[in-house]
């Protein structure tokens, strides 16, 4: 929703101001300039990145139109799930959760949290490290170090697509100049012609510079920033899980271990202690 609102505000203010100054909208409609700028930027991005990243850029268009799922309700479910699992291990021993982590889709614990179960990456992350805890062959600091290495690799991999989009945005002003220069070349071939025709060619060339800057700082650059925000939210969820599991490995009781994870979250999405307690009670009913 905020993306649509932002684009509306962007074009309403830009085009509105242009019209109020007496401008003609048809003068800035130059499809060939847009073709040159966008085509050159797309080609440069394909050259600069592996095919998997370029495909990821195309797929990221869907992520731009969906809000982040990492909201307070999601974290309430995730923290309650971790509490239930750790509470079961405290009462019945680590081996009691072996069936849950081997087949989470059929686990009665995971079944209570459908939103978490839909995120296969988070479920896999939780189960992988619970499996290591069940094996019992790793010290808490070793588990934490392993988690940090995996999360660092995950963050770097997930940053490739926003990085490719940002690099494309950085190149757009330059490609706008390329389009403008090509327009000037065409204009120079019309020297001696009617002034109106020359004026139209010069205007078309200047529109190339305008479009390059507009696309870079008004559309593509903000898209990359939005994806980075979603990546940040996702990374915070994994950091929350890490904090809970490491605290549990250090012998901290389940309810306190969950507090370690809750404190990692940003204030805008962090459940309160009271909200978590109410969620615990609701999950037991």
C-alpha atoms as a PDB file:
ATOM      1  CA  UNK A   1       0.000   0.000   0.000  1.00  0.00           C
ATOM      2  CA  UNK A   2       2.765   2.457   0.881  1.00  0.00           C
ATOM      3  CA  UNK A   3       4.486   1.773  -2.473  1.00  0.00           C
ATOM      4  CA  UNK A   4       1.331   2.646  -4.437  1.00  0.00           C
ATOM      5  CA  UNK A   5       0.792   5.732  -2.282  1.00  0.00           C
ATOM      6  CA  UNK A   6       4.401   6.830  -2.764  1.00  0.00           C
ATOM      7  CA  UNK A   7       4.245   6.461  -6.564  1.00  0.00           C
ATOM      8  CA  UNK A   8       0.975   8.408  -6.685  1.00  0.00           C
ATOM      9  CA  UNK A   9       2.483  11.235  -4.609  1.00  0.00           C
ATOM     10  CA  UNK A  10       5.657  11.198  -6.749  1.00  0.00           C
ATOM     11  CA  UNK A  11       3.911  11.526 -10.097  1.00  0.00           C
ATOM     12  CA  UNK A  12       1.115  13.784  -8.829  1.00  0.00           C
ATOM     13  CA  UNK A  13       3.596  16.339  -7.497  1.00  0.00           C
ATOM     14  CA  UNK A  14       6.008  16.121 -10.436  1.00  0.00           C
ATOM     15  CA  UNK A  15       3.426  16.191 -13.210  1.00  0.00           C
ATOM     16  CA  UNK A  16       1.179  18.609 -11.298  1.00  0.00           C
ATOM     17  CA  UNK A  17       4.016  21.079 -10.888  1.00  0.00           C
ATOM     18  CA  UNK A  18       4.954  20.700 -14.570  1.00  0.00           C
ATOM     19  CA  UNK A  19       1.377  21.429 -15.671  1.00  0.00           C
ATOM     20  CA  UNK A  20       1.060  24.388 -13.294  1.00  0.00           C
ATOM     21  CA  UNK A  21       4.156  25.875 -14.940  1.00  0.00           C
ATOM     22  CA  UNK A  22       2.360  25.647 -18.270  1.00  0.00           C
ATOM     23  CA  UNK A  23       3.988  22.440 -19.473  1.00  0.00           C
ATOM     24  CA  UNK A  24       2.474  20.050 -22.002  1.00  0.00           C
ATOM     25  CA  UNK A  25       2.421  16.424 -20.849  1.00  0.00           C
ATOM     26  CA  UNK A  26       2.862  15.182 -24.420  1.00  0.00           C
ATOM     27  CA  UNK A  27       6.244  16.920 -24.502  1.00  0.00           C
ATOM     28  CA  UNK A  28       7.667  14.543 -21.884  1.00  0.00           C
ATOM     29  CA  UNK A  29       6.134  11.410 -23.372  1.00  0.00           C
ATOM     30  CA  UNK A  30       9.156  10.025 -25.208  1.00  0.00           C
ATOM     31  CA  UNK A  31       8.887   6.219 -25.488  1.00  0.00           C
ATOM     32  CA  UNK A  32      12.186   5.899 -27.374  1.00  0.00           C
ATOM     33  CA  UNK A  33      14.070   7.638 -24.555  1.00  0.00           C
ATOM     34  CA  UNK A  34      12.483   5.279 -22.021  1.00  0.00           C
ATOM     35  CA  UNK A  35      13.423   2.299 -24.220  1.00  0.00           C
ATOM     36  CA  UNK A  36      17.061   3.404 -24.385  1.00  0.00           C
ATOM     37  CA  UNK A  37      17.361   4.070 -20.644  1.00  0.00           C
ATOM     38  CA  UNK A  38      15.515   1.012 -19.335  1.00  0.00           C
ATOM     39  CA  UNK A  39      16.970  -1.315 -21.958  1.00  0.00           C
ATOM     40  CA  UNK A  40      20.545  -0.198 -21.282  1.00  0.00           C
ATOM     41  CA  UNK A  41      20.037  -0.483 -17.515  1.00  0.00           C
ATOM     42  CA  UNK A  42      18.519  -3.964 -17.868  1.00  0.00           C
ATOM     43  CA  UNK A  43      21.361  -5.106 -20.120  1.00  0.00           C
ATOM     44  CA  UNK A  44      23.957  -3.783 -17.689  1.00  0.00           C
ATOM     45  CA  UNK A  45      22.283  -5.598 -14.793  1.00  0.00           C
ATOM     46  CA  UNK A  46      22.243  -8.886 -16.734  1.00  0.00           C
ATOM     47  CA  UNK A  47      25.941  -8.517 -17.527  1.00  0.00           C
ATOM     48  CA  UNK A  48      26.851  -7.643 -13.930  1.00  0.00           C
ATOM     49  CA  UNK A  49      25.011 -10.477 -12.172  1.00  0.00           C
ATOM     50  CA  UNK A  50      24.625 -14.258 -12.353  1.00  0.00           C
ATOM     51  CA  UNK A  51      21.476 -15.434 -14.098  1.00  0.00           C
ATOM     52  CA  UNK A  52      19.971 -16.589 -10.787  1.00  0.00           C
ATOM     53  CA  UNK A  53      20.223 -13.034  -9.420  1.00  0.00           C
ATOM     54  CA  UNK A  54      18.658 -11.506 -12.545  1.00  0.00           C
ATOM     55  CA  UNK A  55      15.785 -13.995 -12.266  1.00  0.00           C
ATOM     56  CA  UNK A  56      15.503 -13.092  -8.575  1.00  0.00           C
ATOM     57  CA  UNK A  57      15.151  -9.427  -9.535  1.00  0.00           C
ATOM     58  CA  UNK A  58      12.179 -10.294 -11.747  1.00  0.00           C
ATOM     59  CA  UNK A  59      10.609 -12.422  -9.014  1.00  0.00           C
ATOM     60  CA  UNK A  60      11.105  -9.647  -6.451  1.00  0.00           C
ATOM     61  CA  UNK A  61       8.389  -7.635  -8.176  1.00  0.00           C
ATOM     62  CA  UNK A  62       5.843  -9.715  -6.259  1.00  0.00           C
ATOM     63  CA  UNK A  63       7.553  -8.902  -2.959  1.00  0.00           C
ATOM     64  CA  UNK A  64       7.226  -5.201  -3.728  1.00  0.00           C
ATOM     65  CA  UNK A  65       3.446  -5.453  -3.718  1.00  0.00           C
ATOM     66  CA  UNK A  66       3.105  -7.491  -0.519  1.00  0.00           C
ATOM     67  CA  UNK A  67       3.577  -6.141   3.006  1.00  0.00           C
ATOM     68  CA  UNK A  68       6.084  -7.697   5.358  1.00  0.00           C
ATOM     69  CA  UNK A  69       4.667 -10.687   7.245  1.00  0.00           C
ATOM     70  CA  UNK A  70       7.026 -10.083  10.155  1.00  0.00           C
ATOM     71  CA  UNK A  71       4.537  -8.261  12.341  1.00  0.00           C
ATOM     72  CA  UNK A  72       3.693  -8.501  16.023  1.00  0.00           C
ATOM     73  CA  UNK A  73       1.176 -11.311  15.413  1.00  0.00           C
ATOM     74  CA  UNK A  74       3.831 -13.352  13.585  1.00  0.00           C
ATOM     75  CA  UNK A  75       6.334 -12.920  16.416  1.00  0.00           C
ATOM     76  CA  UNK A  76       3.708 -13.816  18.999  1.00  0.00           C
ATOM     77  CA  UNK A  77       3.192 -17.129  17.221  1.00  0.00           C
ATOM     78  CA  UNK A  78       6.900 -17.736  16.745  1.00  0.00           C
ATOM     79  CA  UNK A  79       7.840 -17.026  20.361  1.00  0.00           C
ATOM     80  CA  UNK A  80       4.950 -19.120  21.658  1.00  0.00           C
ATOM     81  CA  UNK A  81       5.996 -21.996  19.401  1.00  0.00           C
ATOM     82  CA  UNK A  82       9.537 -21.838  20.769  1.00  0.00           C
ATOM     83  CA  UNK A  83       8.182 -21.698  24.307  1.00  0.00           C
ATOM     84  CA  UNK A  84       6.013 -24.774  23.725  1.00  0.00           C
ATOM     85  CA  UNK A  85       8.917 -26.737  22.254  1.00  0.00           C
ATOM     86  CA  UNK A  86      11.365 -25.780  25.007  1.00  0.00           C
ATOM     87  CA  UNK A  87       8.754 -26.385  27.687  1.00  0.00           C
ATOM     88  CA  UNK A  88       8.191 -29.889  26.309  1.00  0.00           C
ATOM     89  CA  UNK A  89      11.939 -30.606  26.359  1.00  0.00           C
ATOM     90  CA  UNK A  90      12.128 -29.429  29.970  1.00  0.00           C
ATOM     91  CA  UNK A  91       9.255 -31.650  31.065  1.00  0.00           C
ATOM     92  CA  UNK A  92       9.935 -34.742  28.953  1.00  0.00           C
ATOM     93  CA  UNK A  93      13.551 -34.415  27.825  1.00  0.00           C
ATOM     94  CA  UNK A  94      15.127 -33.444  24.507  1.00  0.00           C
ATOM     95  CA  UNK A  95      14.323 -36.780  22.887  1.00  0.00           C
ATOM     96  CA  UNK A  96      10.605 -36.047  23.287  1.00  0.00           C
ATOM     97  CA  UNK A  97      10.688 -33.495  20.433  1.00  0.00           C
ATOM     98  CA  UNK A  98      12.496 -35.768  17.963  1.00  0.00           C
ATOM     99  CA  UNK A  99       9.272 -36.568  16.113  1.00  0.00           C
ATOM    100  CA  UNK A 100       8.263 -32.893  16.012  1.00  0.00           C
ATOM    101  CA  UNK A 101      11.501 -31.714  14.428  1.00  0.00           C
ATOM    102  CA  UNK A 102      11.824 -34.612  11.999  1.00  0.00           C
ATOM    103  CA  UNK A 103       8.308 -34.144  10.601  1.00  0.00           C
ATOM    104  CA  UNK A 104       7.100 -30.640  11.566  1.00  0.00           C
ATOM    105  CA  UNK A 105       4.201 -30.811   9.074  1.00  0.00           C
ATOM    106  CA  UNK A 106       2.629 -33.597  11.115  1.00  0.00           C
ATOM    107  CA  UNK A 107       3.702 -32.274  14.520  1.00  0.00           C
ATOM    108  CA  UNK A 108       0.850 -31.337  16.884  1.00  0.00           C
ATOM    109  CA  UNK A 109       2.998 -28.491  18.259  1.00  0.00           C
ATOM    110  CA  UNK A 110       3.743 -26.912  14.874  1.00  0.00           C
ATOM    111  CA  UNK A 111       0.140 -27.467  13.774  1.00  0.00           C
ATOM    112  CA  UNK A 112      -0.964 -24.891  16.354  1.00  0.00           C
ATOM    113  CA  UNK A 113       1.013 -22.212  14.507  1.00  0.00           C
ATOM    114  CA  UNK A 114       0.001 -22.279  10.816  1.00  0.00           C
ATOM    115  CA  UNK A 115       1.622 -18.940   9.939  1.00  0.00           C
ATOM    116  CA  UNK A 116       5.001 -20.209  11.102  1.00  0.00           C
ATOM    117  CA  UNK A 117       4.504 -23.574   9.418  1.00  0.00           C
ATOM    118  CA  UNK A 118       3.991 -21.782   6.084  1.00  0.00           C
ATOM    119  CA  UNK A 119       7.495 -20.314   6.295  1.00  0.00           C
ATOM    120  CA  UNK A 120       9.578 -23.355   5.396  1.00  0.00           C
ATOM    121  CA  UNK A 121      12.888 -21.531   5.859  1.00  0.00           C
ATOM    122  CA  UNK A 122      12.152 -20.568   9.456  1.00  0.00           C
ATOM    123  CA  UNK A 123      10.767 -24.008  10.271  1.00  0.00           C
ATOM    124  CA  UNK A 124      13.880 -25.608   8.781  1.00  0.00           C
ATOM    125  CA  UNK A 125      16.134 -23.245  10.752  1.00  0.00           C
ATOM    126  CA  UNK A 126      14.384 -24.067  14.036  1.00  0.00           C
ATOM    127  CA  UNK A 127      14.355 -27.819  13.401  1.00  0.00           C
ATOM    128  CA  UNK A 128      17.983 -27.963  12.259  1.00  0.00           C
ATOM    129  CA  UNK A 129      19.289 -26.411  15.459  1.00  0.00           C
ATOM    130  CA  UNK A 130      16.909 -28.305  17.708  1.00  0.00           C
ATOM    131  CA  UNK A 131      18.230 -31.446  16.044  1.00  0.00           C
ATOM    132  CA  UNK A 132      21.771 -30.390  16.976  1.00  0.00           C
ATOM    133  CA  UNK A 133      20.624 -29.746  20.539  1.00  0.00           C
ATOM    134  CA  UNK A 134      19.047 -33.199  20.686  1.00  0.00           C
ATOM    135  CA  UNK A 135      22.311 -34.744  19.491  1.00  0.00           C
ATOM    136  CA  UNK A 136      23.984 -33.052  22.459  1.00  0.00           C
ATOM    137  CA  UNK A 137      27.469 -32.884  20.956  1.00  0.00           C
ATOM    138  CA  UNK A 138      27.908 -29.128  20.795  1.00  0.00           C
ATOM    139  CA  UNK A 139      28.631 -26.476  23.425  1.00  0.00           C
ATOM    140  CA  UNK A 140      26.404 -23.364  23.559  1.00  0.00           C
ATOM    141  CA  UNK A 141      29.120 -21.039  22.243  1.00  0.00           C
ATOM    142  CA  UNK A 142      29.798 -23.419  19.352  1.00  0.00           C
ATOM    143  CA  UNK A 143      26.094 -23.510  18.472  1.00  0.00           C
ATOM    144  CA  UNK A 144      25.952 -19.703  18.578  1.00  0.00           C
ATOM    145  CA  UNK A 145      29.005 -19.418  16.329  1.00  0.00           C
ATOM    146  CA  UNK A 146      27.476 -21.847  13.814  1.00  0.00           C
ATOM    147  CA  UNK A 147      24.227 -19.875  13.802  1.00  0.00           C
ATOM    148  CA  UNK A 148      26.080 -16.617  13.207  1.00  0.00           C
ATOM    149  CA  UNK A 149      27.933 -18.095  10.249  1.00  0.00           C
ATOM    150  CA  UNK A 150      24.720 -19.401   8.699  1.00  0.00           C
ATOM    151  CA  UNK A 151      22.893 -16.113   9.254  1.00  0.00           C
ATOM    152  CA  UNK A 152      25.791 -14.161   7.761  1.00  0.00           C
ATOM    153  CA  UNK A 153      25.690 -16.352   4.658  1.00  0.00           C
ATOM    154  CA  UNK A 154      21.897 -16.062   4.474  1.00  0.00           C
ATOM    155  CA  UNK A 155      22.076 -12.266   4.730  1.00  0.00           C
ATOM    156  CA  UNK A 156      24.726 -12.002   2.021  1.00  0.00           C
ATOM    157  CA  UNK A 157      22.748 -14.246  -0.327  1.00  0.00           C
ATOM    158  CA  UNK A 158      19.482 -12.400   0.309  1.00  0.00           C
ATOM    159  CA  UNK A 159      21.248  -9.048  -0.288  1.00  0.00           C
ATOM    160  CA  UNK A 160      22.211  -9.965  -3.848  1.00  0.00           C
ATOM    161  CA  UNK A 161      18.841  -9.050  -5.376  1.00  0.00           C
ATOM    162  CA  UNK A 162      18.399  -5.664  -3.604  1.00  0.00           C
ATOM    163  CA  UNK A 163      22.056  -4.939  -4.385  1.00  0.00           C
ATOM    164  CA  UNK A 164      21.538  -5.659  -8.086  1.00  0.00           C
ATOM    165  CA  UNK A 165      18.489  -3.376  -8.155  1.00  0.00           C
ATOM    166  CA  UNK A 166      20.386  -0.620  -6.347  1.00  0.00           C
ATOM    167  CA  UNK A 167      23.294  -0.894  -8.802  1.00  0.00           C
ATOM    168  CA  UNK A 168      20.819  -0.594 -11.669  1.00  0.00           C
ATOM    169  CA  UNK A 169      19.356   2.512 -10.022  1.00  0.00           C
ATOM    170  CA  UNK A 170      22.828   4.013  -9.636  1.00  0.00           C
ATOM    171  CA  UNK A 171      23.438   3.562 -13.358  1.00  0.00           C
ATOM    172  CA  UNK A 172      20.152   5.070 -14.538  1.00  0.00           C
ATOM    173  CA  UNK A 173      21.256   8.742 -14.414  1.00  0.00           C
ATOM    174  CA  UNK A 174      24.241   7.827 -16.593  1.00  0.00           C
ATOM    175  CA  UNK A 175      22.036   6.024 -19.085  1.00  0.00           C
ATOM    176  CA  UNK A 176      19.762   9.076 -19.039  1.00  0.00           C
ATOM    177  CA  UNK A 177      22.743  11.128 -20.193  1.00  0.00           C
ATOM    178  CA  UNK A 178      23.440   8.536 -22.896  1.00  0.00           C
ATOM    179  CA  UNK A 179      19.854   8.909 -24.140  1.00  0.00           C
ATOM    180  CA  UNK A 180      20.204  12.704 -24.031  1.00  0.00           C
ATOM    181  CA  UNK A 181      23.460  12.602 -26.019  1.00  0.00           C
ATOM    182  CA  UNK A 182      21.852  10.378 -28.637  1.00  0.00           C
ATOM    183  CA  UNK A 183      19.033  12.898 -28.820  1.00  0.00           C
ATOM    184  CA  UNK A 184      21.522  15.723 -29.312  1.00  0.00           C
ATOM    185  CA  UNK A 185      23.188  13.730 -32.097  1.00  0.00           C
ATOM    186  CA  UNK A 186      19.831  13.475 -33.839  1.00  0.00           C
ATOM    187  CA  UNK A 187      19.234  17.190 -33.266  1.00  0.00           C
ATOM    188  CA  UNK A 188      22.584  18.119 -34.808  1.00  0.00           C
ATOM    189  CA  UNK A 189      21.509  16.309 -37.970  1.00  0.00           C
ATOM    190  CA  UNK A 190      18.529  18.644 -38.186  1.00  0.00           C
ATOM    191  CA  UNK A 191      20.479  21.883 -37.984  1.00  0.00           C
ATOM    192  CA  UNK A 192      19.069  24.314 -40.503  1.00  0.00           C
ATOM    193  CA  UNK A 193      15.594  22.818 -40.241  1.00  0.00           C
ATOM    194  CA  UNK A 194      12.466  24.513 -38.830  1.00  0.00           C
ATOM    195  CA  UNK A 195      12.974  25.927 -35.299  1.00  0.00           C
ATOM    196  CA  UNK A 196       9.937  24.059 -34.011  1.00  0.00           C
ATOM    197  CA  UNK A 197      11.402  20.754 -35.134  1.00  0.00           C
ATOM    198  CA  UNK A 198      14.754  21.580 -33.539  1.00  0.00           C
ATOM    199  CA  UNK A 199      13.010  22.566 -30.318  1.00  0.00           C
ATOM    200  CA  UNK A 200      11.137  19.278 -30.250  1.00  0.00           C
ATOM    201  CA  UNK A 201      14.373  17.292 -30.701  1.00  0.00           C
ATOM    202  CA  UNK A 202      16.154  19.218 -27.951  1.00  0.00           C
ATOM    203  CA  UNK A 203      13.200  18.681 -25.601  1.00  0.00           C
ATOM    204  CA  UNK A 204      13.212  14.956 -26.345  1.00  0.00           C
ATOM    205  CA  UNK A 205      16.944  14.808 -25.554  1.00  0.00           C
ATOM    206  CA  UNK A 206      16.455  16.611 -22.229  1.00  0.00           C
ATOM    207  CA  UNK A 207      13.646  14.213 -21.317  1.00  0.00           C
ATOM    208  CA  UNK A 208      16.229  11.410 -21.427  1.00  0.00           C
ATOM    209  CA  UNK A 209      18.175  13.027 -18.583  1.00  0.00           C
ATOM    210  CA  UNK A 210      14.947  13.650 -16.690  1.00  0.00           C
ATOM    211  CA  UNK A 211      13.771  10.049 -16.988  1.00  0.00           C
ATOM    212  CA  UNK A 212      17.127   8.629 -15.934  1.00  0.00           C
ATOM    213  CA  UNK A 213      17.178  10.688 -12.734  1.00  0.00           C
ATOM    214  CA  UNK A 214      13.472  10.139 -12.036  1.00  0.00           C
ATOM    215  CA  UNK A 215      13.652   6.362 -12.401  1.00  0.00           C
ATOM    216  CA  UNK A 216      16.853   6.185 -10.321  1.00  0.00           C
ATOM    217  CA  UNK A 217      15.802   8.253  -7.313  1.00  0.00           C
ATOM    218  CA  UNK A 218      12.011   8.076  -7.528  1.00  0.00           C
ATOM    219  CA  UNK A 219      11.278   4.440  -8.411  1.00  0.00           C
ATOM    220  CA  UNK A 220      14.105   1.881  -8.729  1.00  0.00           C
ATOM    221  CA  UNK A 221      16.246   3.157  -5.828  1.00  0.00           C
ATOM    222  CA  UNK A 222      13.292   3.216  -3.401  1.00  0.00           C
ATOM    223  CA  UNK A 223      12.327  -0.310  -4.555  1.00  0.00           C
ATOM    224  CA  UNK A 224      15.786  -1.537  -3.568  1.00  0.00           C
ATOM    225  CA  UNK A 225      15.461   0.200  -0.195  1.00  0.00           C
ATOM    226  CA  UNK A 226      12.062  -1.411   0.389  1.00  0.00           C
ATOM    227  CA  UNK A 227      13.478  -4.877  -0.298  1.00  0.00           C
ATOM    228  CA  UNK A 228      16.334  -4.147   2.096  1.00  0.00           C
ATOM    229  CA  UNK A 229      13.796  -3.282   4.801  1.00  0.00           C
ATOM    230  CA  UNK A 230      12.028  -6.608   4.230  1.00  0.00           C
ATOM    231  CA  UNK A 231      15.386  -8.368   4.399  1.00  0.00           C
ATOM    232  CA  UNK A 232      16.126  -6.610   7.679  1.00  0.00           C
ATOM    233  CA  UNK A 233      12.801  -7.792   9.111  1.00  0.00           C
ATOM    234  CA  UNK A 234      13.497 -11.370   8.043  1.00  0.00           C
ATOM    235  CA  UNK A 235      17.014 -11.291   9.510  1.00  0.00           C
ATOM    236  CA  UNK A 236      15.637 -10.038  12.813  1.00  0.00           C
ATOM    237  CA  UNK A 237      13.329 -13.070  13.003  1.00  0.00           C
ATOM    238  CA  UNK A 238      16.303 -15.414  12.688  1.00  0.00           C
ATOM    239  CA  UNK A 239      18.241 -13.424  15.284  1.00  0.00           C
ATOM    240  CA  UNK A 240      15.275 -13.817  17.630  1.00  0.00           C
ATOM    241  CA  UNK A 241      15.278 -17.609  17.187  1.00  0.00           C
ATOM    242  CA  UNK A 242      19.040 -17.713  17.734  1.00  0.00           C
ATOM    243  CA  UNK A 243      18.766 -15.766  20.986  1.00  0.00           C
ATOM    244  CA  UNK A 244      16.070 -18.109  22.337  1.00  0.00           C
ATOM    245  CA  UNK A 245      17.855 -21.348  21.462  1.00  0.00           C
ATOM    246  CA  UNK A 246      21.272 -20.213  22.699  1.00  0.00           C
ATOM    247  CA  UNK A 247      19.725 -19.069  25.980  1.00  0.00           C
ATOM    248  CA  UNK A 248      18.045 -22.457  26.337  1.00  0.00           C
ATOM    249  CA  UNK A 249      21.344 -24.238  25.652  1.00  0.00           C
ATOM    250  CA  UNK A 250      22.852 -22.226  28.497  1.00  0.00           C
ATOM    251  CA  UNK A 251      20.271 -23.653  30.904  1.00  0.00           C
ATOM    252  CA  UNK A 252      17.857 -20.707  30.972  1.00  0.00           C
ATOM    253  CA  UNK A 253      14.194 -21.710  31.681  1.00  0.00           C
ATOM    254  CA  UNK A 254      11.856 -21.608  28.633  1.00  0.00           C
ATOM    255  CA  UNK A 255       9.894 -18.510  29.616  1.00  0.00           C
ATOM    256  CA  UNK A 256      13.089 -16.560  30.308  1.00  0.00           C
ATOM    257  CA  UNK A 257      14.770 -17.894  27.150  1.00  0.00           C
ATOM    258  CA  UNK A 258      11.852 -16.539  25.122  1.00  0.00           C
ATOM    259  CA  UNK A 259      12.462 -13.164  26.781  1.00  0.00           C
ATOM    260  CA  UNK A 260      15.970 -13.194  25.296  1.00  0.00           C
ATOM    261  CA  UNK A 261      14.393 -13.484  21.857  1.00  0.00           C
ATOM    262  CA  UNK A 262      11.689 -10.907  22.523  1.00  0.00           C
ATOM    263  CA  UNK A 263      14.297  -8.312  23.482  1.00  0.00           C
ATOM    264  CA  UNK A 264      16.011  -8.719  20.104  1.00  0.00           C
ATOM    265  CA  UNK A 265      12.941  -7.486  18.205  1.00  0.00           C
ATOM    266  CA  UNK A 266      12.313  -3.911  17.138  1.00  0.00           C
ATOM    267  CA  UNK A 267       9.895  -1.968  19.340  1.00  0.00           C
ATOM    268  CA  UNK A 268       7.391  -1.503  16.510  1.00  0.00           C
ATOM    269  CA  UNK A 269       6.750  -5.270  16.301  1.00  0.00           C
ATOM    270  CA  UNK A 270       7.866  -6.466  19.739  1.00  0.00           C
ATOM    271  CA  UNK A 271       5.078  -8.155  21.748  1.00  0.00           C
ATOM    272  CA  UNK A 272       4.819  -7.028  25.342  1.00  0.00           C
ATOM    273  CA  UNK A 273       5.485  -9.436  28.196  1.00  0.00           C
ATOM    274  CA  UNK A 274       1.769  -9.390  29.024  1.00  0.00           C
ATOM    275  CA  UNK A 275       0.789 -10.182  25.418  1.00  0.00           C
ATOM    276  CA  UNK A 276       3.126 -13.168  25.427  1.00  0.00           C
ATOM    277  CA  UNK A 277       1.668 -14.465  28.686  1.00  0.00           C
ATOM    278  CA  UNK A 278      -1.836 -14.201  27.259  1.00  0.00           C
ATOM    279  CA  UNK A 279      -0.656 -16.058  24.146  1.00  0.00           C
ATOM    280  CA  UNK A 280       0.809 -18.831  26.346  1.00  0.00           C
ATOM    281  CA  UNK A 281      -2.525 -19.246  28.125  1.00  0.00           C
ATOM    282  CA  UNK A 282      -4.464 -19.227  24.842  1.00  0.00           C
ATOM    283  CA  UNK A 283      -2.192 -21.919  23.366  1.00  0.00           C
ATOM    284  CA  UNK A 284      -2.896 -24.224  26.332  1.00  0.00           C
ATOM    285  CA  UNK A 285      -6.645 -24.128  25.892  1.00  0.00           C
END
